[in-house]
Amino acid sequence: GFQTSDERLIKLVSLAAQKFATDVIQDSLQRSKWRREASRGKDRADDRRYMLNTEDVTEALREQGVHVAKPIFFADREAEAP
């Protein structure tokens, strides 16, 4: 957490967080576009609907220095016995 009464500092941290989130989203979208063009080819690249995958976001976060690991348990499958 972070607490301060200085409005300027609050705005600065808010702006930095927004910039970080925007960079990650833009990088993720770019990766999604590259993956899509590679799989479909240039012929069908006119379709403007994109699907953002966890792998795209994970790679974009890794470039920013954030390590993301999959959890041990997913709700759609049974947990493996240790």
C-alpha atoms as a PDB file:
ATOM      1  CA  GLY A   1       0.000   0.000   0.000  1.00  0.00           C
ATOM      2  CA  PHE A   2       0.877   3.604  -0.284  1.00  0.00           C
ATOM      3  CA  GLN A   3      -0.435   6.536   1.730  1.00  0.00           C
ATOM      4  CA  THR A   4       0.411  10.200   1.481  1.00  0.00           C
ATOM      5  CA  SER A   5      -1.396  13.486   1.769  1.00  0.00           C
ATOM      6  CA  ASP A   6       0.640  15.174  -0.985  1.00  0.00           C
ATOM      7  CA  GLU A   7      -1.687  15.501  -3.994  1.00  0.00           C
ATOM      8  CA  ARG A   8       1.220  15.992  -6.391  1.00  0.00           C
ATOM      9  CA  LEU A   9       2.781  12.703  -5.364  1.00  0.00           C
ATOM     10  CA  ILE A  10      -0.558  10.916  -5.692  1.00  0.00           C
ATOM     11  CA  LYS A  11      -0.964  12.262  -9.234  1.00  0.00           C
ATOM     12  CA  LEU A  12       2.603  11.272 -10.109  1.00  0.00           C
ATOM     13  CA  VAL A  13       2.149   7.678  -8.913  1.00  0.00           C
ATOM     14  CA  SER A  14      -1.221   7.498 -10.674  1.00  0.00           C
ATOM     15  CA  LEU A  15       0.304   8.701 -13.934  1.00  0.00           C
ATOM     16  CA  ALA A  16       3.189   6.218 -13.672  1.00  0.00           C
ATOM     17  CA  ALA A  17       0.747   3.333 -13.054  1.00  0.00           C
ATOM     18  CA  GLN A  18      -1.401   4.398 -16.003  1.00  0.00           C
ATOM     19  CA  LYS A  19       1.677   4.614 -18.257  1.00  0.00           C
ATOM     20  CA  PHE A  20       2.813   1.148 -17.155  1.00  0.00           C
ATOM     21  CA  ALA A  21      -0.608  -0.389 -17.807  1.00  0.00           C
ATOM     22  CA  THR A  22      -0.855   1.323 -21.203  1.00  0.00           C
ATOM     23  CA  ASP A  23       2.596   0.087 -22.254  1.00  0.00           C
ATOM     24  CA  VAL A  24       1.773  -3.490 -21.246  1.00  0.00           C
ATOM     25  CA  ILE A  25      -1.565  -3.412 -23.085  1.00  0.00           C
ATOM     26  CA  GLN A  26      -0.025  -1.949 -26.241  1.00  0.00           C
ATOM     27  CA  ASP A  27       2.804  -4.501 -26.234  1.00  0.00           C
ATOM     28  CA  SER A  28       0.304  -7.306 -25.678  1.00  0.00           C
ATOM     29  CA  LEU A  29      -1.870  -6.125 -28.547  1.00  0.00           C
ATOM     30  CA  GLN A  30       1.145  -5.895 -30.847  1.00  0.00           C
ATOM     31  CA  ARG A  31       2.136  -9.468 -29.980  1.00  0.00           C
ATOM     32  CA  SER A  32      -1.418 -10.592 -30.648  1.00  0.00           C
ATOM     33  CA  LYS A  33      -1.339  -8.920 -34.069  1.00  0.00           C
ATOM     34  CA  TRP A  34       1.999 -10.562 -34.952  1.00  0.00           C
ATOM     35  CA  ARG A  35       0.788 -13.984 -33.872  1.00  0.00           C
ATOM     36  CA  ARG A  36      -2.420 -13.545 -35.835  1.00  0.00           C
ATOM     37  CA  GLU A  37      -0.657 -12.468 -39.025  1.00  0.00           C
ATOM     38  CA  ALA A  38       1.714 -15.411 -38.732  1.00  0.00           C
ATOM     39  CA  SER A  39      -1.109 -17.901 -38.360  1.00  0.00           C
ATOM     40  CA  ARG A  40      -3.583 -16.459 -40.876  1.00  0.00           C
ATOM     41  CA  GLY A  41      -1.307 -14.794 -43.379  1.00  0.00           C
ATOM     42  CA  LYS A  42      -1.689 -11.385 -44.968  1.00  0.00           C
ATOM     43  CA  ASP A  43      -4.827 -12.358 -46.897  1.00  0.00           C
ATOM     44  CA  ARG A  44      -7.164 -12.303 -43.926  1.00  0.00           C
ATOM     45  CA  ALA A  45      -5.404  -9.554 -41.942  1.00  0.00           C
ATOM     46  CA  ASP A  46      -8.227  -7.109 -42.695  1.00  0.00           C
ATOM     47  CA  ASP A  47     -10.397  -8.463 -39.872  1.00  0.00           C
ATOM     48  CA  ARG A  48      -9.992  -5.988 -36.977  1.00  0.00           C
ATOM     49  CA  ARG A  49     -11.123  -8.238 -34.118  1.00  0.00           C
ATOM     50  CA  TYR A  50      -8.252  -9.247 -31.880  1.00  0.00           C
ATOM     51  CA  MET A  51      -8.074 -11.760 -29.063  1.00  0.00           C
ATOM     52  CA  LEU A  52      -5.666 -11.031 -26.234  1.00  0.00           C
ATOM     53  CA  ASN A  53      -4.169 -14.197 -24.730  1.00  0.00           C
ATOM     54  CA  THR A  54      -2.500 -14.689 -21.383  1.00  0.00           C
ATOM     55  CA  GLU A  55       0.720 -15.550 -23.213  1.00  0.00           C
ATOM     56  CA  ASP A  56       0.730 -12.137 -24.921  1.00  0.00           C
ATOM     57  CA  VAL A  57       0.271 -10.314 -21.625  1.00  0.00           C
ATOM     58  CA  THR A  58       2.844 -12.512 -19.870  1.00  0.00           C
ATOM     59  CA  GLU A  59       5.485 -11.741 -22.506  1.00  0.00           C
ATOM     60  CA  ALA A  60       4.720  -8.011 -22.379  1.00  0.00           C
ATOM     61  CA  LEU A  61       5.009  -8.039 -18.587  1.00  0.00           C
ATOM     62  CA  ARG A  62       8.266  -9.991 -18.788  1.00  0.00           C
ATOM     63  CA  GLU A  63       9.705  -7.227 -20.984  1.00  0.00           C
ATOM     64  CA  GLN A  64       8.768  -4.754 -18.248  1.00  0.00           C
ATOM     65  CA  GLY A  65      10.535  -6.862 -15.610  1.00  0.00           C
ATOM     66  CA  VAL A  66       7.463  -8.546 -14.084  1.00  0.00           C
ATOM     67  CA  HIS A  67       7.578 -12.336 -13.774  1.00  0.00           C
ATOM     68  CA  VAL A  68       4.217 -14.082 -14.095  1.00  0.00           C
ATOM     69  CA  ALA A  69       3.808 -17.755 -13.196  1.00  0.00           C
ATOM     70  CA  LYS A  70       0.743 -19.909 -13.667  1.00  0.00           C
ATOM     71  CA  PRO A  71      -0.877 -20.978 -10.405  1.00  0.00           C
ATOM     72  CA  ILE A  72      -0.711 -24.613  -9.360  1.00  0.00           C
ATOM     73  CA  PHE A  73      -4.489 -25.038  -9.458  1.00  0.00           C
ATOM     74  CA  PHE A  74      -6.952 -24.018 -12.149  1.00  0.00           C
ATOM     75  CA  ALA A  75     -10.703 -24.172 -11.566  1.00  0.00           C
ATOM     76  CA  ASP A  76     -11.356 -25.980 -14.860  1.00  0.00           C
ATOM     77  CA  ARG A  77      -9.190 -29.017 -14.041  1.00  0.00           C
ATOM     78  CA  GLU A  78      -8.491 -31.173 -11.040  1.00  0.00           C
ATOM     79  CA  ALA A  79      -5.396 -30.585  -8.970  1.00  0.00           C
ATOM     80  CA  GLU A  80      -2.642 -33.130  -9.233  1.00  0.00           C
ATOM     81  CA  ALA A  81      -1.686 -34.944  -6.052  1.00  0.00           C
ATOM     82  CA  PRO A  82       1.726 -33.858  -4.690  1.00  0.00           C
END
